[in-house]
Amino acid sequence: MSPADQEKIAAVMRIALESRLARMIKVAESDLPPMSLGEILNVLFAMHGHCDVFGGYGSSAAGIVALIGPELFWRRPKTNSAETIPTTVQ
């Protein structure tokens, strides 16, 4: 699969997963911070993974990585602002 195809697939997945996450936590998609697909998937499973609504986390993550590769899975979207997101909880 070409890198361009992987980028397209990642964009489609991002739209679907961000939409699902925003509905789940009752915010607008625009209110979500810039997160990688891996981070979004982690939050979705943290919030709702105990139910059989989703497949297992490992299977879901492996399927996405097989389609788009690990670099795109963990890449955060670029933002136009100077705002940074902390990577640790204080």
C-alpha atoms as a PDB file:
ATOM      1  CA  MET A   1       0.000   0.000   0.000  1.00  0.00           C
ATOM      2  CA  SER A   2       1.366   3.407  -0.913  1.00  0.00           C
ATOM      3  CA  PRO A   3       2.043   6.107   1.685  1.00  0.00           C
ATOM      4  CA  ALA A   4      -0.632   8.257  -0.003  1.00  0.00           C
ATOM      5  CA  ASP A   5      -3.173   5.449   0.446  1.00  0.00           C
ATOM      6  CA  GLN A   6      -2.151   5.069   4.089  1.00  0.00           C
ATOM      7  CA  GLU A   7      -2.633   8.815   4.646  1.00  0.00           C
ATOM      8  CA  LYS A   8      -6.135   8.642   3.114  1.00  0.00           C
ATOM      9  CA  ILE A   9      -7.083   5.664   5.265  1.00  0.00           C
ATOM     10  CA  ALA A  10      -5.718   7.397   8.382  1.00  0.00           C
ATOM     11  CA  ALA A  11      -7.774  10.521   7.583  1.00  0.00           C
ATOM     12  CA  VAL A  12     -10.977   8.480   7.218  1.00  0.00           C
ATOM     13  CA  MET A  13     -10.268   6.611  10.458  1.00  0.00           C
ATOM     14  CA  ARG A  14      -9.505   9.873  12.270  1.00  0.00           C
ATOM     15  CA  ILE A  15     -12.864  11.347  11.247  1.00  0.00           C
ATOM     16  CA  ALA A  16     -14.732   8.246  12.414  1.00  0.00           C
ATOM     17  CA  LEU A  17     -12.871   7.821  15.712  1.00  0.00           C
ATOM     18  CA  GLU A  18     -12.863  11.518  16.641  1.00  0.00           C
ATOM     19  CA  SER A  19     -16.581  11.654  15.954  1.00  0.00           C
ATOM     20  CA  ARG A  20     -17.189   8.597  18.133  1.00  0.00           C
ATOM     21  CA  LEU A  21     -15.057   9.997  20.956  1.00  0.00           C
ATOM     22  CA  ALA A  22     -16.708  13.424  20.834  1.00  0.00           C
ATOM     23  CA  ARG A  23     -20.177  11.842  21.030  1.00  0.00           C
ATOM     24  CA  MET A  24     -19.082   9.596  23.881  1.00  0.00           C
ATOM     25  CA  ILE A  25     -17.789  12.452  26.042  1.00  0.00           C
ATOM     26  CA  LYS A  26     -20.444  14.901  24.834  1.00  0.00           C
ATOM     27  CA  VAL A  27     -18.221  17.598  23.318  1.00  0.00           C
ATOM     28  CA  ALA A  28     -17.809  19.047  19.853  1.00  0.00           C
ATOM     29  CA  GLU A  29     -15.131  17.404  17.723  1.00  0.00           C
ATOM     30  CA  SER A  30     -13.428  20.797  17.516  1.00  0.00           C
ATOM     31  CA  ASP A  31     -13.075  20.757  21.326  1.00  0.00           C
ATOM     32  CA  LEU A  32     -10.872  17.649  21.251  1.00  0.00           C
ATOM     33  CA  PRO A  33      -7.128  18.252  21.563  1.00  0.00           C
ATOM     34  CA  PRO A  34      -4.907  17.071  18.710  1.00  0.00           C
ATOM     35  CA  MET A  35      -4.424  13.379  19.433  1.00  0.00           C
ATOM     36  CA  SER A  36      -2.882  10.510  17.507  1.00  0.00           C
ATOM     37  CA  LEU A  37      -5.122   7.691  16.331  1.00  0.00           C
ATOM     38  CA  GLY A  38      -3.433   5.505  18.945  1.00  0.00           C
ATOM     39  CA  GLU A  39      -4.332   7.976  21.696  1.00  0.00           C
ATOM     40  CA  ILE A  40      -7.930   8.243  20.481  1.00  0.00           C
ATOM     41  CA  LEU A  41      -8.252   4.457  20.403  1.00  0.00           C
ATOM     42  CA  ASN A  42      -6.803   4.235  23.924  1.00  0.00           C
ATOM     43  CA  VAL A  43      -9.329   6.756  25.254  1.00  0.00           C
ATOM     44  CA  LEU A  44     -12.214   4.987  23.523  1.00  0.00           C
ATOM     45  CA  PHE A  45     -11.227   1.709  25.132  1.00  0.00           C
ATOM     46  CA  ALA A  46     -10.659   3.357  28.497  1.00  0.00           C
ATOM     47  CA  MET A  47     -14.162   4.808  28.340  1.00  0.00           C
ATOM     48  CA  HIS A  48     -16.074   1.946  26.786  1.00  0.00           C
ATOM     49  CA  GLY A  49     -13.761  -0.996  26.188  1.00  0.00           C
ATOM     50  CA  HIS A  50     -15.282  -3.106  28.928  1.00  0.00           C
ATOM     51  CA  CYS A  51     -18.282  -3.730  26.688  1.00  0.00           C
ATOM     52  CA  ASP A  52     -18.303  -5.896  23.594  1.00  0.00           C
ATOM     53  CA  VAL A  53     -19.210  -2.881  21.457  1.00  0.00           C
ATOM     54  CA  PHE A  54     -15.648  -2.803  20.107  1.00  0.00           C
ATOM     55  CA  GLY A  55     -13.357  -5.663  19.220  1.00  0.00           C
ATOM     56  CA  GLY A  56     -10.468  -6.298  21.569  1.00  0.00           C
ATOM     57  CA  TYR A  57      -7.993  -3.442  21.899  1.00  0.00           C
ATOM     58  CA  GLY A  58      -5.058  -5.489  20.623  1.00  0.00           C
ATOM     59  CA  SER A  59      -6.953  -6.668  17.559  1.00  0.00           C
ATOM     60  CA  SER A  60      -8.283  -3.198  16.819  1.00  0.00           C
ATOM     61  CA  ALA A  61      -4.897  -1.518  17.192  1.00  0.00           C
ATOM     62  CA  ALA A  62      -3.145  -4.238  15.167  1.00  0.00           C
ATOM     63  CA  GLY A  63      -5.676  -3.904  12.360  1.00  0.00           C
ATOM     64  CA  ILE A  64      -5.216  -0.135  12.178  1.00  0.00           C
ATOM     65  CA  VAL A  65      -1.413  -0.445  12.294  1.00  0.00           C
ATOM     66  CA  ALA A  66      -1.544  -3.062   9.519  1.00  0.00           C
ATOM     67  CA  LEU A  67      -3.406  -0.567   7.335  1.00  0.00           C
ATOM     68  CA  ILE A  68      -1.549   2.664   8.080  1.00  0.00           C
ATOM     69  CA  GLY A  69       1.700   1.683   9.813  1.00  0.00           C
ATOM     70  CA  PRO A  70       2.919   2.499  13.315  1.00  0.00           C
ATOM     71  CA  GLU A  71       4.218   5.975  12.450  1.00  0.00           C
ATOM     72  CA  LEU A  72       0.790   7.229  11.314  1.00  0.00           C
ATOM     73  CA  PHE A  73      -0.908   5.414  14.191  1.00  0.00           C
ATOM     74  CA  TRP A  74       1.032   7.470  16.745  1.00  0.00           C
ATOM     75  CA  ARG A  75       1.464  10.740  14.798  1.00  0.00           C
ATOM     76  CA  ARG A  76      -0.444  13.673  16.240  1.00  0.00           C
ATOM     77  CA  PRO A  77      -2.061  16.006  13.729  1.00  0.00           C
ATOM     78  CA  LYS A  78      -0.275  19.260  13.073  1.00  0.00           C
ATOM     79  CA  THR A  79      -1.801  22.331  14.665  1.00  0.00           C
ATOM     80  CA  ASN A  80      -1.519  25.964  13.676  1.00  0.00           C
ATOM     81  CA  SER A  81      -1.240  27.186  17.250  1.00  0.00           C
ATOM     82  CA  ALA A  82       1.740  27.281  19.563  1.00  0.00           C
ATOM     83  CA  GLU A  83      -0.307  25.396  22.150  1.00  0.00           C
ATOM     84  CA  THR A  84       1.322  22.238  23.384  1.00  0.00           C
ATOM     85  CA  ILE A  85      -0.274  19.248  24.992  1.00  0.00           C
ATOM     86  CA  PRO A  86       1.367  17.831  28.099  1.00  0.00           C
ATOM     87  CA  THR A  87       2.448  14.226  27.763  1.00  0.00           C
ATOM     88  CA  THR A  88       2.437  13.547  31.484  1.00  0.00           C
ATOM     89  CA  VAL A  89      -0.098  14.132  34.209  1.00  0.00           C
ATOM     90  CA  GLN A  90       1.089  16.296  37.074  1.00  0.00           C
END
